[in-house]
Amino acid sequence: MRIGELARKAGMTTRALRFYEEQGLLGARRAANGYREYDEDDYRLVTEIQRLRAIGLSLDETRPFVACLRAGHETGDSCSESIEVYQRKLAEVDTCLEKLHSAREGLLAKLAEALSRQPDPCRVQAPNPAENL
């Protein structure tokens, strides 16, 4: 299939596919007329990259998964290098979650302090129009 077909099938742009090629993640074969040619293995690589990007991996972090697929494995995470990326990324996410939790606790404490210093709400009541009759 040509680049436009692969782009449509994968739901992405031809520009993104060319970028993947420039980054060494995707390798196109060239037809006699110079057009890029791709096959189902290329589609599989692209969809693997997309899935990994969707869960927060950087393009560079997808490299071990691509290499694993290119080596003939059934899945991109069949290789130990891919498992290491998962573990490293989970550690990063856990660190971020801890920081966010700490920030949230700090914000809640500051809000409680600020609210405790607020004056009581105004207790002035609007006159009842029926009383003036």
N, C-alpha and C. Protein backbone atom coordinates (compact mmCIF):
# COMPACT_ATOMS: atom_id res chain seq x y z
N MET A 1 0.85 -1.18 0.00
CA MET A 1 0.00 0.00 0.00
C MET A 1 0.89 1.24 0.00
N ARG A 2 0.36 2.30 -0.51
CA ARG A 2 1.12 3.55 -0.55
C ARG A 2 0.86 4.36 0.71
N ILE A 3 1.61 5.43 0.84
CA ILE A 3 1.59 6.22 2.07
C ILE A 3 0.19 6.75 2.40
N GLY A 4 -0.55 7.19 1.39
CA GLY A 4 -1.90 7.70 1.63
C GLY A 4 -2.82 6.62 2.16
N GLU A 5 -2.71 5.42 1.62
CA GLU A 5 -3.53 4.31 2.10
C GLU A 5 -3.21 3.97 3.55
N LEU A 6 -1.91 3.89 3.86
CA LEU A 6 -1.51 3.59 5.23
C LEU A 6 -1.99 4.68 6.18
N ALA A 7 -1.87 5.92 5.77
CA ALA A 7 -2.31 7.03 6.61
C ALA A 7 -3.81 6.93 6.89
N ARG A 8 -4.60 6.68 5.86
CA ARG A 8 -6.05 6.54 6.05
C ARG A 8 -6.37 5.35 6.95
N LYS A 9 -5.74 4.24 6.68
CA LYS A 9 -6.00 3.02 7.45
C LYS A 9 -5.64 3.20 8.92
N ALA A 10 -4.55 3.91 9.18
CA ALA A 10 -4.08 4.12 10.56
C ALA A 10 -4.72 5.34 11.21
N GLY A 11 -5.44 6.15 10.43
CA GLY A 11 -6.08 7.34 10.98
C GLY A 11 -5.10 8.43 11.33
N MET A 12 -4.11 8.61 10.48
CA MET A 12 -3.11 9.65 10.72
C MET A 12 -2.75 10.33 9.42
N THR A 13 -1.83 11.27 9.47
CA THR A 13 -1.45 12.01 8.27
C THR A 13 -0.23 11.39 7.61
N THR A 14 -0.08 11.70 6.34
CA THR A 14 1.12 11.25 5.63
C THR A 14 2.34 11.94 6.19
N ARG A 15 2.15 13.16 6.65
CA ARG A 15 3.27 13.90 7.26
C ARG A 15 3.80 13.16 8.49
N ALA A 16 2.89 12.65 9.32
CA ALA A 16 3.31 11.91 10.52
C ALA A 16 4.06 10.64 10.12
N LEU A 17 3.60 9.96 9.09
CA LEU A 17 4.28 8.75 8.63
C LEU A 17 5.68 9.08 8.12
N ARG A 18 5.81 10.17 7.41
CA ARG A 18 7.14 10.59 6.94
C ARG A 18 8.05 10.91 8.12
N PHE A 19 7.48 11.52 9.14
CA PHE A 19 8.25 11.83 10.34
C PHE A 19 8.72 10.54 11.01
N TYR A 20 7.83 9.57 11.14
CA TYR A 20 8.21 8.27 11.71
C TYR A 20 9.36 7.66 10.90
N GLU A 21 9.28 7.81 9.59
CA GLU A 21 10.33 7.28 8.73
C GLU A 21 11.66 8.03 8.99
N GLU A 22 11.59 9.34 9.09
CA GLU A 22 12.79 10.14 9.38
C GLU A 22 13.42 9.75 10.71
N GLN A 23 12.58 9.37 11.67
CA GLN A 23 13.05 9.00 12.99
C GLN A 23 13.54 7.55 13.06
N GLY A 24 13.40 6.83 11.96
CA GLY A 24 13.86 5.44 11.92
C GLY A 24 12.89 4.45 12.52
N LEU A 25 11.67 4.88 12.80
CA LEU A 25 10.67 3.98 13.36
C LEU A 25 9.91 3.21 12.29
N LEU A 26 9.90 3.73 11.12
CA LEU A 26 9.17 3.12 10.01
C LEU A 26 10.07 3.14 8.79
N GLY A 27 10.11 2.05 8.09
CA GLY A 27 10.94 1.98 6.89
C GLY A 27 10.11 1.67 5.67
N ALA A 28 10.09 2.58 4.74
CA ALA A 28 9.33 2.37 3.51
C ALA A 28 10.24 1.81 2.44
N ARG A 29 9.68 0.95 1.66
CA ARG A 29 10.37 0.50 0.46
C ARG A 29 9.95 1.43 -0.67
N ARG A 30 10.78 1.58 -1.64
CA ARG A 30 10.44 2.47 -2.75
C ARG A 30 10.11 1.65 -3.99
N ALA A 31 9.00 1.99 -4.60
CA ALA A 31 8.61 1.35 -5.86
C ALA A 31 9.47 1.95 -6.98
N ALA A 32 9.39 1.35 -8.16
CA ALA A 32 10.18 1.82 -9.30
C ALA A 32 9.88 3.29 -9.62
N ASN A 33 8.66 3.71 -9.35
CA ASN A 33 8.29 5.10 -9.62
C ASN A 33 8.66 6.05 -8.48
N GLY A 34 9.30 5.52 -7.42
CA GLY A 34 9.75 6.34 -6.30
C GLY A 34 8.74 6.46 -5.17
N TYR A 35 7.55 5.94 -5.36
CA TYR A 35 6.53 6.01 -4.30
C TYR A 35 6.91 5.10 -3.14
N ARG A 36 6.55 5.56 -1.94
CA ARG A 36 6.76 4.72 -0.75
C ARG A 36 5.76 3.57 -0.78
N GLU A 37 6.24 2.39 -0.43
CA GLU A 37 5.38 1.21 -0.36
C GLU A 37 5.43 0.63 1.04
N TYR A 38 4.26 0.30 1.58
CA TYR A 38 4.16 -0.26 2.92
C TYR A 38 3.35 -1.55 2.87
N ASP A 39 3.49 -2.36 3.92
CA ASP A 39 2.71 -3.59 4.00
C ASP A 39 2.03 -3.68 5.36
N GLU A 40 1.42 -4.80 5.64
CA GLU A 40 0.68 -4.98 6.90
C GLU A 40 1.60 -4.91 8.12
N ASP A 41 2.86 -5.33 7.97
CA ASP A 41 3.80 -5.21 9.09
C ASP A 41 4.04 -3.74 9.44
N ASP A 42 4.09 -2.89 8.43
CA ASP A 42 4.26 -1.46 8.67
C ASP A 42 3.03 -0.90 9.38
N TYR A 43 1.86 -1.35 8.96
CA TYR A 43 0.62 -0.92 9.61
C TYR A 43 0.64 -1.34 11.08
N ARG A 44 1.10 -2.54 11.33
CA ARG A 44 1.20 -3.05 12.70
C ARG A 44 2.15 -2.19 13.54
N LEU A 45 3.28 -1.79 12.96
CA LEU A 45 4.22 -0.92 13.66
C LEU A 45 3.58 0.42 14.01
N VAL A 46 2.90 1.00 13.03
CA VAL A 46 2.28 2.31 13.23
C VAL A 46 1.20 2.23 14.30
N THR A 47 0.38 1.20 14.27
CA THR A 47 -0.68 1.10 15.28
C THR A 47 -0.09 0.84 16.67
N GLU A 48 1.01 0.10 16.73
CA GLU A 48 1.68 -0.11 18.02
C GLU A 48 2.19 1.23 18.56
N ILE A 49 2.82 2.01 17.71
CA ILE A 49 3.31 3.33 18.12
C ILE A 49 2.15 4.19 18.61
N GLN A 50 1.05 4.19 17.88
CA GLN A 50 -0.11 4.99 18.28
C GLN A 50 -0.66 4.56 19.63
N ARG A 51 -0.76 3.26 19.85
CA ARG A 51 -1.27 2.76 21.14
C ARG A 51 -0.34 3.18 22.29
N LEU A 52 0.95 3.07 22.05
CA LEU A 52 1.91 3.44 23.09
C LEU A 52 1.89 4.94 23.37
N ARG A 53 1.75 5.74 22.32
CA ARG A 53 1.67 7.20 22.49
C ARG A 53 0.40 7.56 23.27
N ALA A 54 -0.68 6.82 23.01
CA ALA A 54 -1.95 7.10 23.67
C ALA A 54 -1.89 6.85 25.18
N ILE A 55 -0.98 5.99 25.63
CA ILE A 55 -0.86 5.73 27.07
C ILE A 55 0.28 6.52 27.69
N GLY A 56 0.83 7.47 26.93
CA GLY A 56 1.78 8.41 27.51
C GLY A 56 3.25 8.19 27.21
N LEU A 57 3.58 7.23 26.37
CA LEU A 57 4.99 7.04 26.03
C LEU A 57 5.42 8.05 24.97
N SER A 58 6.64 8.51 25.09
CA SER A 58 7.18 9.42 24.08
C SER A 58 7.52 8.61 22.84
N LEU A 59 7.74 9.30 21.75
CA LEU A 59 8.11 8.62 20.52
C LEU A 59 9.40 7.83 20.71
N ASP A 60 10.34 8.41 21.41
CA ASP A 60 11.60 7.72 21.66
C ASP A 60 11.40 6.46 22.50
N GLU A 61 10.46 6.52 23.44
CA GLU A 61 10.20 5.36 24.30
C GLU A 61 9.55 4.21 23.54
N THR A 62 9.02 4.47 22.35
CA THR A 62 8.39 3.40 21.58
C THR A 62 9.42 2.54 20.84
N ARG A 63 10.64 3.02 20.76
CA ARG A 63 11.67 2.32 19.97
C ARG A 63 11.87 0.85 20.34
N PRO A 64 11.96 0.49 21.62
CA PRO A 64 12.14 -0.92 21.94
C PRO A 64 10.96 -1.80 21.48
N PHE A 65 9.78 -1.25 21.50
CA PHE A 65 8.60 -1.99 21.07
C PHE A 65 8.64 -2.23 19.56
N VAL A 66 9.04 -1.19 18.83
CA VAL A 66 9.18 -1.31 17.37
C VAL A 66 10.26 -2.34 17.05
N ALA A 67 11.37 -2.26 17.74
CA ALA A 67 12.46 -3.22 17.51
C ALA A 67 12.01 -4.64 17.80
N CYS A 68 11.22 -4.81 18.83
CA CYS A 68 10.72 -6.13 19.21
C CYS A 68 9.81 -6.70 18.10
N LEU A 69 8.94 -5.86 17.57
CA LEU A 69 8.08 -6.30 16.47
C LEU A 69 8.90 -6.63 15.23
N ARG A 70 9.85 -5.77 14.94
CA ARG A 70 10.71 -6.01 13.76
C ARG A 70 11.51 -7.30 13.88
N ALA A 71 11.81 -7.68 15.12
CA ALA A 71 12.57 -8.91 15.35
C ALA A 71 11.70 -10.16 15.17
N GLY A 72 10.41 -9.93 14.90
CA GLY A 72 9.53 -11.06 14.61
C GLY A 72 8.66 -11.52 15.77
N HIS A 73 8.67 -10.78 16.85
CA HIS A 73 7.83 -11.16 17.99
C HIS A 73 6.37 -10.82 17.72
N GLU A 74 5.51 -11.57 18.36
CA GLU A 74 4.07 -11.40 18.16
C GLU A 74 3.57 -10.03 18.65
N THR A 75 4.15 -9.57 19.76
CA THR A 75 3.76 -8.27 20.31
C THR A 75 5.00 -7.42 20.56
N GLY A 76 4.80 -6.14 20.63
CA GLY A 76 5.90 -5.22 20.86
C GLY A 76 6.45 -5.25 22.27
N ASP A 77 5.67 -5.82 23.19
CA ASP A 77 6.16 -5.89 24.57
C ASP A 77 6.59 -7.30 24.97
N SER A 78 6.98 -8.09 23.99
CA SER A 78 7.50 -9.44 24.25
C SER A 78 8.96 -9.42 24.68
N CYS A 79 9.62 -8.31 24.51
CA CYS A 79 11.06 -8.22 24.79
C CYS A 79 11.30 -7.51 26.12
N SER A 80 12.40 -7.87 26.76
CA SER A 80 12.71 -7.31 28.08
C SER A 80 12.91 -5.80 28.04
N GLU A 81 13.43 -5.27 26.94
CA GLU A 81 13.63 -3.82 26.84
C GLU A 81 12.30 -3.07 26.90
N SER A 82 11.27 -3.67 26.33
CA SER A 82 9.95 -3.05 26.36
C SER A 82 9.37 -3.08 27.77
N ILE A 83 9.56 -4.18 28.46
CA ILE A 83 9.09 -4.29 29.84
C ILE A 83 9.78 -3.23 30.71
N GLU A 84 11.07 -3.01 30.47
CA GLU A 84 11.80 -1.99 31.21
C GLU A 84 11.22 -0.59 30.97
N VAL A 85 10.78 -0.33 29.73
CA VAL A 85 10.16 0.97 29.44
C VAL A 85 8.86 1.10 30.24
N TYR A 86 8.04 0.04 30.25
CA TYR A 86 6.81 0.08 31.05
C TYR A 86 7.13 0.38 32.51
N GLN A 87 8.11 -0.32 33.07
CA GLN A 87 8.46 -0.15 34.48
C GLN A 87 8.96 1.27 34.76
N ARG A 88 9.81 1.77 33.88
CA ARG A 88 10.35 3.12 34.04
C ARG A 88 9.22 4.16 33.95
N LYS A 89 8.33 3.98 33.00
CA LYS A 89 7.24 4.93 32.81
C LYS A 89 6.27 4.89 34.00
N LEU A 90 6.00 3.71 34.51
CA LEU A 90 5.14 3.60 35.69
C LEU A 90 5.75 4.31 36.89
N ALA A 91 7.05 4.19 37.05
CA ALA A 91 7.73 4.88 38.15
C ALA A 91 7.59 6.39 37.98
N GLU A 92 7.72 6.88 36.74
CA GLU A 92 7.55 8.31 36.48
C GLU A 92 6.13 8.76 36.80
N VAL A 93 5.16 7.97 36.39
CA VAL A 93 3.75 8.31 36.64
C VAL A 93 3.48 8.31 38.15
N ASP A 94 4.01 7.31 38.86
CA ASP A 94 3.82 7.26 40.31
C ASP A 94 4.41 8.49 40.98
N THR A 95 5.58 8.93 40.55
CA THR A 95 6.20 10.13 41.10
C THR A 95 5.32 11.35 40.84
N CYS A 96 4.79 11.46 39.64
CA CYS A 96 3.90 12.58 39.31
C CYS A 96 2.64 12.54 40.16
N LEU A 97 2.08 11.36 40.34
CA LEU A 97 0.87 11.23 41.16
C LEU A 97 1.14 11.63 42.61
N GLU A 98 2.30 11.24 43.13
CA GLU A 98 2.66 11.62 44.50
C GLU A 98 2.77 13.14 44.62
N LYS A 99 3.40 13.78 43.63
CA LYS A 99 3.54 15.23 43.64
C LYS A 99 2.17 15.91 43.55
N LEU A 100 1.32 15.38 42.70
CA LEU A 100 -0.03 15.95 42.57
C LEU A 100 -0.82 15.78 43.85
N HIS A 101 -0.72 14.62 44.48
CA HIS A 101 -1.43 14.39 45.74
C HIS A 101 -0.94 15.36 46.81
N SER A 102 0.37 15.55 46.88
CA SER A 102 0.95 16.47 47.85
C SER A 102 0.47 17.90 47.57
N ALA A 103 0.47 18.29 46.30
CA ALA A 103 -0.01 19.63 45.92
C ALA A 103 -1.48 19.80 46.30
N ARG A 104 -2.28 18.76 46.07
CA ARG A 104 -3.70 18.82 46.39
C ARG A 104 -3.90 18.99 47.90
N GLU A 105 -3.16 18.23 48.69
CA GLU A 105 -3.27 18.34 50.14
C GLU A 105 -2.88 19.74 50.60
N GLY A 106 -1.81 20.29 50.01
CA GLY A 106 -1.40 21.64 50.36
C GLY A 106 -2.45 22.67 50.00
N LEU A 107 -3.05 22.53 48.84
CA LEU A 107 -4.10 23.45 48.42
C LEU A 107 -5.33 23.35 49.32
N LEU A 108 -5.71 22.14 49.69
CA LEU A 108 -6.85 21.96 50.59
C LEU A 108 -6.59 22.63 51.93
N ALA A 109 -5.38 22.48 52.45
CA ALA A 109 -5.03 23.10 53.73
C ALA A 109 -5.08 24.63 53.63
N LYS A 110 -4.51 25.18 52.56
CA LYS A 110 -4.53 26.63 52.38
C LYS A 110 -5.96 27.15 52.21
N LEU A 111 -6.78 26.43 51.50
CA LEU A 111 -8.17 26.83 51.32
C LEU A 111 -8.90 26.81 52.66
N ALA A 112 -8.69 25.78 53.44
CA ALA A 112 -9.34 25.70 54.75
C ALA A 112 -8.91 26.88 55.64
N GLU A 113 -7.61 27.21 55.61
CA GLU A 113 -7.11 28.35 56.38
C GLU A 113 -7.77 29.65 55.92
N ALA A 114 -7.81 29.84 54.60
CA ALA A 114 -8.39 31.07 54.05
C ALA A 114 -9.86 31.18 54.39
N LEU A 115 -10.59 30.09 54.29
CA LEU A 115 -12.02 30.12 54.60
C LEU A 115 -12.27 30.37 56.08
N SER A 116 -11.38 29.88 56.95
CA SER A 116 -11.57 30.10 58.39
C SER A 116 -11.37 31.56 58.78
N ARG A 117 -10.67 32.33 57.96
CA ARG A 117 -10.44 33.76 58.24
C ARG A 117 -11.52 34.65 57.64
N GLN A 118 -12.40 34.09 56.86
CA GLN A 118 -13.44 34.88 56.22
C GLN A 118 -14.47 35.31 57.26
N PRO A 119 -14.99 36.56 57.13
CA PRO A 119 -16.05 37.00 58.06
C PRO A 119 -17.32 36.18 57.80
N ASP A 120 -18.18 36.21 58.82
CA ASP A 120 -19.46 35.50 58.65
C ASP A 120 -20.23 36.11 57.49
N PRO A 121 -20.98 35.30 56.81
CA PRO A 121 -21.77 35.86 55.70
C PRO A 121 -22.74 36.93 56.22
N CYS A 122 -23.03 37.86 55.39
CA CYS A 122 -23.94 38.95 55.74
C CYS A 122 -25.32 38.36 56.05
N ARG A 123 -25.85 38.73 57.20
CA ARG A 123 -27.12 38.15 57.62
C ARG A 123 -28.28 39.14 57.40
N VAL A 124 -28.07 40.18 56.65
CA VAL A 124 -29.14 41.15 56.37
C VAL A 124 -30.17 40.48 55.48
N GLN A 125 -31.40 40.57 55.91
CA GLN A 125 -32.45 39.94 55.12
C GLN A 125 -33.22 41.02 54.37
N ALA A 126 -33.62 40.70 53.21
CA ALA A 126 -34.44 41.63 52.43
C ALA A 126 -35.80 41.75 53.10
N PRO A 127 -36.36 42.95 53.10
CA PRO A 127 -37.68 43.12 53.73
C PRO A 127 -38.74 42.33 52.98
N ASN A 128 -39.70 41.88 53.73
CA ASN A 128 -40.81 41.13 53.15
C ASN A 128 -41.84 42.13 52.64
N PRO A 129 -42.08 42.14 51.32
CA PRO A 129 -43.02 43.13 50.76
C PRO A 129 -44.43 43.00 51.35
N ALA A 130 -44.81 41.84 51.84
CA ALA A 130 -46.15 41.65 52.37
C ALA A 130 -46.31 42.38 53.70
N GLU A 131 -45.22 42.62 54.43
CA GLU A 131 -45.31 43.30 55.73
C GLU A 131 -45.63 44.79 55.57
N ASN A 132 -45.35 45.35 54.41
CA ASN A 132 -45.59 46.77 54.19
C ASN A 132 -47.03 47.08 53.83
N LEU A 133 -47.85 46.11 53.72
CA LEU A 133 -49.24 46.36 53.34
C LEU A 133 -50.12 46.66 54.48
